[in-house]
Amino acid sequence: MQEQLETVRKRFEKDKYAKSLGIVLDELTDDTIQMHMQLRGDMFNWFGRLHGGAIYSLADAAFSVLANNNNNLAVALDCSITFHVSPDPGTLLIVEGETLSATRRTSAYLFKIYMEKEETRTLVATMKSVSYRTGKPIYPNIEQ
């Protein structure tokens, strides 16, 4: 499994969209993930608040990596995000995700997005996601 996790980490480094947002993969295990993103001025909407798409993009990046970390190509079936507060400019966003359940064909996940400012974390959003596991290997040379 460690080989798969390292392969997923290397593959994520090639994610141009995540890289353009400054998303960094901090931790990855079989069932959990943590990523972060520093908020920038170009991520704010015309109200001067962080665009919801930026929050969703961070959560979706975590979903993509966590759902595909077992060499079984997974695609999104459902993602539902709830926004709780609007993050302050200049803060760090952190997403923590966990696998809630996994069967041969589907998996369910929960992601919590926090803003961190002056060593205090505030819950910004939660996202529930479900993936369909296709059964197709992502890396044919690594055992599923």
N, C-alpha and C. Protein backbone atom coordinates (compact mmCIF):
# COMPACT_ATOMS: atom_id res chain seq x y z
N MET A 1 0.82 -1.19 0.00
CA MET A 1 0.00 0.00 0.00
C MET A 1 0.87 1.26 0.00
N GLN A 2 1.98 1.23 0.67
CA GLN A 2 2.86 2.40 0.73
C GLN A 2 3.29 2.81 -0.68
N GLU A 3 3.58 1.84 -1.53
CA GLU A 3 3.97 2.15 -2.91
C GLU A 3 2.85 2.89 -3.63
N GLN A 4 1.59 2.46 -3.42
CA GLN A 4 0.45 3.13 -4.04
C GLN A 4 0.33 4.57 -3.55
N LEU A 5 0.49 4.78 -2.25
CA LEU A 5 0.37 6.12 -1.69
C LEU A 5 1.44 7.05 -2.26
N GLU A 6 2.65 6.56 -2.39
CA GLU A 6 3.72 7.37 -2.97
C GLU A 6 3.45 7.67 -4.44
N THR A 7 2.90 6.70 -5.16
CA THR A 7 2.57 6.90 -6.56
C THR A 7 1.48 7.96 -6.69
N VAL A 8 0.49 7.91 -5.80
CA VAL A 8 -0.59 8.91 -5.82
C VAL A 8 -0.03 10.30 -5.52
N ARG A 9 0.87 10.39 -4.53
CA ARG A 9 1.50 11.67 -4.20
C ARG A 9 2.21 12.26 -5.42
N LYS A 10 2.98 11.43 -6.11
CA LYS A 10 3.72 11.89 -7.29
C LYS A 10 2.77 12.32 -8.40
N ARG A 11 1.69 11.59 -8.55
CA ARG A 11 0.73 11.94 -9.60
C ARG A 11 0.04 13.26 -9.28
N PHE A 12 -0.27 13.48 -7.99
CA PHE A 12 -0.92 14.73 -7.59
C PHE A 12 -0.04 15.94 -7.88
N GLU A 13 1.26 15.76 -7.79
CA GLU A 13 2.19 16.86 -8.09
C GLU A 13 2.03 17.37 -9.52
N LYS A 14 1.43 16.57 -10.39
CA LYS A 14 1.22 16.95 -11.79
C LYS A 14 -0.15 17.58 -12.03
N ASP A 15 -0.94 17.75 -10.97
CA ASP A 15 -2.27 18.35 -11.09
C ASP A 15 -2.12 19.86 -11.28
N LYS A 16 -2.22 20.31 -12.51
CA LYS A 16 -1.96 21.71 -12.83
C LYS A 16 -2.99 22.66 -12.21
N TYR A 17 -4.24 22.24 -12.14
CA TYR A 17 -5.26 23.11 -11.56
C TYR A 17 -5.01 23.29 -10.06
N ALA A 18 -4.77 22.20 -9.35
CA ALA A 18 -4.48 22.29 -7.92
C ALA A 18 -3.23 23.12 -7.67
N LYS A 19 -2.24 22.92 -8.51
CA LYS A 19 -0.99 23.68 -8.38
C LYS A 19 -1.25 25.17 -8.60
N SER A 20 -2.12 25.51 -9.56
CA SER A 20 -2.41 26.93 -9.83
C SER A 20 -3.09 27.60 -8.64
N LEU A 21 -3.76 26.82 -7.82
CA LEU A 21 -4.41 27.35 -6.62
C LEU A 21 -3.50 27.31 -5.40
N GLY A 22 -2.35 26.66 -5.55
CA GLY A 22 -1.42 26.55 -4.43
C GLY A 22 -1.79 25.46 -3.44
N ILE A 23 -2.54 24.46 -3.88
CA ILE A 23 -2.96 23.38 -2.99
C ILE A 23 -1.78 22.44 -2.75
N VAL A 24 -1.56 22.14 -1.48
CA VAL A 24 -0.45 21.29 -1.06
C VAL A 24 -0.98 20.07 -0.34
N LEU A 25 -0.47 18.90 -0.72
CA LEU A 25 -0.81 17.65 -0.04
C LEU A 25 0.10 17.49 1.17
N ASP A 26 -0.49 17.50 2.36
CA ASP A 26 0.28 17.41 3.60
C ASP A 26 0.40 15.98 4.12
N GLU A 27 -0.72 15.28 4.18
CA GLU A 27 -0.75 13.93 4.73
C GLU A 27 -1.70 13.06 3.93
N LEU A 28 -1.34 11.79 3.78
CA LEU A 28 -2.18 10.83 3.08
C LEU A 28 -1.98 9.46 3.69
N THR A 29 -3.08 8.83 4.11
CA THR A 29 -3.07 7.45 4.57
C THR A 29 -4.09 6.68 3.76
N ASP A 30 -4.30 5.44 4.08
CA ASP A 30 -5.31 4.64 3.37
C ASP A 30 -6.69 5.29 3.43
N ASP A 31 -7.02 5.89 4.58
CA ASP A 31 -8.38 6.37 4.82
C ASP A 31 -8.51 7.85 5.17
N THR A 32 -7.40 8.59 5.19
CA THR A 32 -7.46 10.00 5.57
C THR A 32 -6.55 10.84 4.69
N ILE A 33 -6.84 12.14 4.68
CA ILE A 33 -6.03 13.07 3.90
C ILE A 33 -6.07 14.44 4.56
N GLN A 34 -4.99 15.19 4.38
CA GLN A 34 -4.97 16.60 4.77
C GLN A 34 -4.23 17.37 3.69
N MET A 35 -4.82 18.49 3.30
CA MET A 35 -4.22 19.40 2.32
C MET A 35 -4.42 20.82 2.85
N HIS A 36 -3.67 21.77 2.27
CA HIS A 36 -3.89 23.17 2.62
C HIS A 36 -3.71 24.07 1.41
N MET A 37 -4.22 25.30 1.57
CA MET A 37 -4.13 26.30 0.51
C MET A 37 -4.10 27.68 1.17
N GLN A 38 -3.11 28.47 0.84
CA GLN A 38 -3.03 29.85 1.33
C GLN A 38 -3.92 30.72 0.46
N LEU A 39 -4.80 31.49 1.08
CA LEU A 39 -5.69 32.35 0.31
C LEU A 39 -4.93 33.52 -0.31
N ARG A 40 -5.29 33.81 -1.57
CA ARG A 40 -4.66 34.91 -2.30
C ARG A 40 -5.73 35.90 -2.74
N GLY A 41 -5.29 37.09 -3.07
CA GLY A 41 -6.21 38.14 -3.48
C GLY A 41 -7.02 37.81 -4.72
N ASP A 42 -6.47 37.00 -5.63
CA ASP A 42 -7.19 36.68 -6.87
C ASP A 42 -8.25 35.60 -6.66
N MET A 43 -8.45 35.14 -5.44
CA MET A 43 -9.46 34.11 -5.15
C MET A 43 -10.76 34.72 -4.62
N PHE A 44 -10.81 36.06 -4.53
CA PHE A 44 -11.96 36.71 -3.92
C PHE A 44 -12.94 37.21 -4.97
N ASN A 45 -14.21 37.19 -4.62
CA ASN A 45 -15.26 37.60 -5.56
C ASN A 45 -15.48 39.11 -5.49
N TRP A 46 -16.46 39.60 -6.18
CA TRP A 46 -16.72 41.02 -6.27
C TRP A 46 -17.30 41.62 -5.00
N PHE A 47 -17.59 40.75 -4.00
CA PHE A 47 -18.00 41.23 -2.67
C PHE A 47 -16.80 41.30 -1.71
N GLY A 48 -15.62 40.91 -2.22
CA GLY A 48 -14.43 40.93 -1.39
C GLY A 48 -14.33 39.74 -0.45
N ARG A 49 -15.09 38.70 -0.74
CA ARG A 49 -15.06 37.47 0.07
C ARG A 49 -14.54 36.32 -0.81
N LEU A 50 -14.03 35.30 -0.16
CA LEU A 50 -13.49 34.17 -0.91
C LEU A 50 -14.57 33.53 -1.77
N HIS A 51 -14.24 33.27 -3.01
CA HIS A 51 -15.16 32.62 -3.95
C HIS A 51 -15.42 31.20 -3.46
N GLY A 52 -16.68 30.80 -3.45
CA GLY A 52 -17.05 29.45 -3.01
C GLY A 52 -16.38 28.37 -3.84
N GLY A 53 -16.08 28.69 -5.10
CA GLY A 53 -15.41 27.72 -5.96
C GLY A 53 -14.01 27.38 -5.48
N ALA A 54 -13.35 28.31 -4.82
CA ALA A 54 -12.01 28.04 -4.29
C ALA A 54 -12.09 27.04 -3.13
N ILE A 55 -13.10 27.24 -2.27
CA ILE A 55 -13.30 26.31 -1.15
C ILE A 55 -13.62 24.92 -1.70
N TYR A 56 -14.55 24.87 -2.66
CA TYR A 56 -14.93 23.60 -3.26
C TYR A 56 -13.74 22.94 -3.94
N SER A 57 -12.92 23.71 -4.62
CA SER A 57 -11.76 23.15 -5.33
C SER A 57 -10.79 22.47 -4.36
N LEU A 58 -10.57 23.06 -3.20
CA LEU A 58 -9.70 22.44 -2.20
C LEU A 58 -10.29 21.12 -1.73
N ALA A 59 -11.58 21.11 -1.42
CA ALA A 59 -12.23 19.88 -0.97
C ALA A 59 -12.24 18.83 -2.07
N ASP A 60 -12.49 19.26 -3.31
CA ASP A 60 -12.55 18.33 -4.44
C ASP A 60 -11.18 17.72 -4.73
N ALA A 61 -10.11 18.50 -4.57
CA ALA A 61 -8.76 17.96 -4.76
C ALA A 61 -8.50 16.85 -3.75
N ALA A 62 -8.91 17.08 -2.50
CA ALA A 62 -8.74 16.06 -1.47
C ALA A 62 -9.58 14.82 -1.79
N PHE A 63 -10.78 15.03 -2.27
CA PHE A 63 -11.66 13.92 -2.66
C PHE A 63 -11.02 13.10 -3.78
N SER A 64 -10.50 13.76 -4.78
CA SER A 64 -9.87 13.07 -5.90
C SER A 64 -8.71 12.18 -5.46
N VAL A 65 -7.86 12.73 -4.61
CA VAL A 65 -6.69 11.96 -4.16
C VAL A 65 -7.12 10.81 -3.24
N LEU A 66 -7.99 11.09 -2.27
CA LEU A 66 -8.38 10.04 -1.32
C LEU A 66 -9.17 8.93 -2.01
N ALA A 67 -10.04 9.28 -2.93
CA ALA A 67 -10.86 8.28 -3.62
C ALA A 67 -10.04 7.40 -4.56
N ASN A 68 -8.89 7.90 -5.02
CA ASN A 68 -8.09 7.15 -5.98
C ASN A 68 -6.77 6.65 -5.41
N ASN A 69 -6.68 6.50 -4.11
CA ASN A 69 -5.41 6.09 -3.50
C ASN A 69 -5.27 4.58 -3.36
N ASN A 70 -6.19 3.81 -3.93
CA ASN A 70 -6.12 2.35 -3.78
C ASN A 70 -6.00 1.62 -5.11
N ASN A 71 -5.54 2.33 -6.14
CA ASN A 71 -5.32 1.75 -7.47
C ASN A 71 -6.61 1.18 -8.08
N ASN A 72 -7.73 1.81 -7.76
CA ASN A 72 -9.01 1.45 -8.34
C ASN A 72 -9.63 2.76 -8.80
N LEU A 73 -9.64 3.00 -10.12
CA LEU A 73 -10.11 4.26 -10.67
C LEU A 73 -11.51 4.58 -10.15
N ALA A 74 -11.63 5.74 -9.49
CA ALA A 74 -12.91 6.17 -8.93
C ALA A 74 -13.32 7.49 -9.57
N VAL A 75 -14.63 7.64 -9.76
CA VAL A 75 -15.19 8.87 -10.30
C VAL A 75 -16.28 9.35 -9.35
N ALA A 76 -16.51 10.65 -9.34
CA ALA A 76 -17.50 11.22 -8.44
C ALA A 76 -18.92 10.85 -8.87
N LEU A 77 -19.71 10.42 -7.90
CA LEU A 77 -21.15 10.23 -8.11
C LEU A 77 -21.92 11.40 -7.53
N ASP A 78 -21.44 11.91 -6.40
CA ASP A 78 -22.15 12.99 -5.72
C ASP A 78 -21.19 13.77 -4.82
N CYS A 79 -21.35 15.07 -4.81
CA CYS A 79 -20.62 15.95 -3.89
C CYS A 79 -21.61 17.00 -3.41
N SER A 80 -21.69 17.17 -2.11
CA SER A 80 -22.58 18.16 -1.54
C SER A 80 -21.80 18.96 -0.52
N ILE A 81 -21.70 20.27 -0.73
CA ILE A 81 -20.92 21.11 0.17
C ILE A 81 -21.85 22.08 0.88
N THR A 82 -21.58 22.28 2.15
CA THR A 82 -22.30 23.25 2.97
C THR A 82 -21.30 24.27 3.47
N PHE A 83 -21.57 25.54 3.20
CA PHE A 83 -20.69 26.62 3.64
C PHE A 83 -21.21 27.14 4.98
N HIS A 84 -20.32 27.23 5.96
CA HIS A 84 -20.71 27.67 7.30
C HIS A 84 -20.33 29.12 7.57
N VAL A 85 -19.12 29.51 7.21
CA VAL A 85 -18.66 30.90 7.36
C VAL A 85 -17.77 31.25 6.18
N SER A 86 -17.62 32.53 5.95
CA SER A 86 -16.74 33.00 4.88
C SER A 86 -15.35 33.25 5.47
N PRO A 87 -14.32 32.63 4.90
CA PRO A 87 -12.97 32.82 5.43
C PRO A 87 -12.47 34.24 5.29
N ASP A 88 -11.64 34.63 6.21
CA ASP A 88 -11.03 35.96 6.18
C ASP A 88 -9.89 35.99 5.17
N PRO A 89 -9.69 37.13 4.52
CA PRO A 89 -8.54 37.25 3.61
C PRO A 89 -7.23 36.96 4.34
N GLY A 90 -6.31 36.35 3.61
CA GLY A 90 -4.98 36.10 4.16
C GLY A 90 -4.87 34.89 5.06
N THR A 91 -5.95 34.16 5.24
CA THR A 91 -5.88 32.98 6.11
C THR A 91 -5.47 31.75 5.32
N LEU A 92 -5.16 30.72 6.06
CA LEU A 92 -4.81 29.42 5.49
C LEU A 92 -6.04 28.54 5.55
N LEU A 93 -6.39 27.90 4.44
CA LEU A 93 -7.47 26.92 4.44
C LEU A 93 -6.86 25.53 4.53
N ILE A 94 -7.45 24.70 5.37
CA ILE A 94 -7.00 23.33 5.57
C ILE A 94 -8.20 22.41 5.37
N VAL A 95 -8.02 21.37 4.60
CA VAL A 95 -9.06 20.35 4.45
C VAL A 95 -8.56 19.06 5.07
N GLU A 96 -9.43 18.45 5.85
CA GLU A 96 -9.18 17.12 6.42
C GLU A 96 -10.30 16.22 5.95
N GLY A 97 -9.93 15.08 5.40
CA GLY A 97 -10.94 14.16 4.88
C GLY A 97 -10.75 12.76 5.41
N GLU A 98 -11.86 12.04 5.44
CA GLU A 98 -11.81 10.65 5.88
C GLU A 98 -12.80 9.81 5.08
N THR A 99 -12.44 8.54 4.92
CA THR A 99 -13.33 7.58 4.29
C THR A 99 -14.33 7.12 5.34
N LEU A 100 -15.61 7.24 5.03
CA LEU A 100 -16.64 6.79 5.96
C LEU A 100 -17.01 5.33 5.73
N SER A 101 -17.06 4.94 4.46
CA SER A 101 -17.37 3.56 4.12
C SER A 101 -16.85 3.27 2.72
N ALA A 102 -16.55 2.00 2.48
CA ALA A 102 -16.07 1.60 1.16
C ALA A 102 -16.55 0.18 0.86
N THR A 103 -17.19 0.05 -0.28
CA THR A 103 -17.60 -1.27 -0.77
C THR A 103 -16.84 -1.52 -2.07
N ARG A 104 -17.14 -2.62 -2.69
CA ARG A 104 -16.47 -2.95 -3.94
C ARG A 104 -16.73 -1.89 -5.01
N ARG A 105 -17.91 -1.25 -4.99
CA ARG A 105 -18.28 -0.32 -6.06
C ARG A 105 -18.45 1.14 -5.63
N THR A 106 -18.69 1.42 -4.36
CA THR A 106 -18.86 2.80 -3.95
C THR A 106 -18.09 3.09 -2.66
N SER A 107 -17.79 4.36 -2.47
CA SER A 107 -17.15 4.81 -1.23
C SER A 107 -17.76 6.15 -0.85
N ALA A 108 -17.85 6.38 0.45
CA ALA A 108 -18.39 7.64 0.96
C ALA A 108 -17.32 8.33 1.81
N TYR A 109 -17.29 9.66 1.72
CA TYR A 109 -16.24 10.45 2.36
C TYR A 109 -16.85 11.68 3.04
N LEU A 110 -16.14 12.18 4.04
CA LEU A 110 -16.49 13.43 4.68
C LEU A 110 -15.25 14.32 4.72
N PHE A 111 -15.42 15.55 4.29
CA PHE A 111 -14.32 16.52 4.27
C PHE A 111 -14.73 17.74 5.09
N LYS A 112 -13.82 18.19 5.94
CA LYS A 112 -14.03 19.39 6.74
C LYS A 112 -12.98 20.41 6.34
N ILE A 113 -13.44 21.61 6.00
CA ILE A 113 -12.54 22.67 5.57
C ILE A 113 -12.51 23.73 6.68
N TYR A 114 -11.31 24.04 7.13
CA TYR A 114 -11.11 25.00 8.20
C TYR A 114 -10.30 26.18 7.70
N MET A 115 -10.51 27.35 8.33
CA MET A 115 -9.56 28.44 8.15
C MET A 115 -8.72 28.48 9.42
N GLU A 116 -7.44 28.74 9.22
CA GLU A 116 -6.54 28.82 10.36
C GLU A 116 -5.95 30.22 10.39
N LYS A 117 -6.15 30.89 11.50
CA LYS A 117 -5.64 32.25 11.68
C LYS A 117 -5.18 32.40 13.12
N GLU A 118 -3.92 32.77 13.27
CA GLU A 118 -3.33 32.95 14.60
C GLU A 118 -3.52 31.70 15.47
N GLU A 119 -3.26 30.54 14.87
CA GLU A 119 -3.31 29.24 15.53
C GLU A 119 -4.71 28.84 16.00
N THR A 120 -5.73 29.50 15.46
CA THR A 120 -7.12 29.14 15.77
C THR A 120 -7.77 28.61 14.50
N ARG A 121 -8.45 27.48 14.63
CA ARG A 121 -9.18 26.90 13.50
C ARG A 121 -10.67 27.16 13.63
N THR A 122 -11.28 27.54 12.50
CA THR A 122 -12.72 27.75 12.43
C THR A 122 -13.25 26.94 11.27
N LEU A 123 -14.32 26.18 11.50
CA LEU A 123 -14.92 25.38 10.44
C LEU A 123 -15.58 26.29 9.41
N VAL A 124 -15.15 26.15 8.17
CA VAL A 124 -15.63 26.98 7.06
C VAL A 124 -16.71 26.25 6.27
N ALA A 125 -16.49 24.96 6.00
CA ALA A 125 -17.42 24.19 5.16
C ALA A 125 -17.25 22.70 5.43
N THR A 126 -18.27 21.94 5.09
CA THR A 126 -18.19 20.49 5.10
C THR A 126 -18.68 19.98 3.75
N MET A 127 -18.05 18.92 3.28
CA MET A 127 -18.46 18.32 2.01
C MET A 127 -18.59 16.82 2.19
N LYS A 128 -19.74 16.31 1.76
CA LYS A 128 -19.97 14.87 1.72
C LYS A 128 -19.85 14.44 0.27
N SER A 129 -19.11 13.36 0.04
CA SER A 129 -18.88 12.91 -1.33
C SER A 129 -19.04 11.40 -1.43
N VAL A 130 -19.48 10.97 -2.60
CA VAL A 130 -19.61 9.55 -2.90
C VAL A 130 -18.92 9.30 -4.23
N SER A 131 -18.12 8.22 -4.27
CA SER A 131 -17.45 7.87 -5.52
C SER A 131 -17.91 6.50 -6.00
N TYR A 132 -17.82 6.33 -7.30
CA TYR A 132 -18.05 5.02 -7.93
C TYR A 132 -16.69 4.45 -8.27
N ARG A 133 -16.42 3.25 -7.79
CA ARG A 133 -15.14 2.58 -8.03
C ARG A 133 -15.30 1.67 -9.25
N THR A 134 -14.60 2.01 -10.33
CA THR A 134 -14.81 1.34 -11.61
C THR A 134 -14.25 -0.08 -11.68
N GLY A 135 -13.31 -0.38 -10.82
CA GLY A 135 -12.65 -1.68 -10.89
C GLY A 135 -11.47 -1.70 -11.84
N LYS A 136 -11.24 -0.57 -12.53
CA LYS A 136 -10.10 -0.47 -13.46
C LYS A 136 -8.87 0.03 -12.70
N PRO A 137 -7.74 -0.64 -12.87
CA PRO A 137 -6.53 -0.18 -12.18
C PRO A 137 -6.03 1.14 -12.77
N ILE A 138 -5.54 2.02 -11.90
CA ILE A 138 -4.93 3.27 -12.36
C ILE A 138 -3.51 2.98 -12.81
N TYR A 139 -2.84 2.12 -12.06
CA TYR A 139 -1.46 1.75 -12.33
C TYR A 139 -1.43 0.24 -12.52
N PRO A 140 -1.40 -0.24 -13.76
CA PRO A 140 -1.48 -1.69 -14.02
C PRO A 140 -0.34 -2.49 -13.37
N ASN A 141 0.80 -1.88 -13.09
CA ASN A 141 1.93 -2.61 -12.53
C ASN A 141 1.92 -2.70 -11.00
N ILE A 142 0.89 -2.10 -10.37
CA ILE A 142 0.79 -2.15 -8.90
C ILE A 142 -0.45 -2.96 -8.55
N GLU A 143 -0.31 -3.84 -7.59
CA GLU A 143 -1.41 -4.70 -7.18
C GLU A 143 -2.52 -3.90 -6.53
N GLN A 144 -3.78 -4.30 -6.81
CA GLN A 144 -4.95 -3.63 -6.20
C GLN A 144 -5.19 -4.17 -4.82
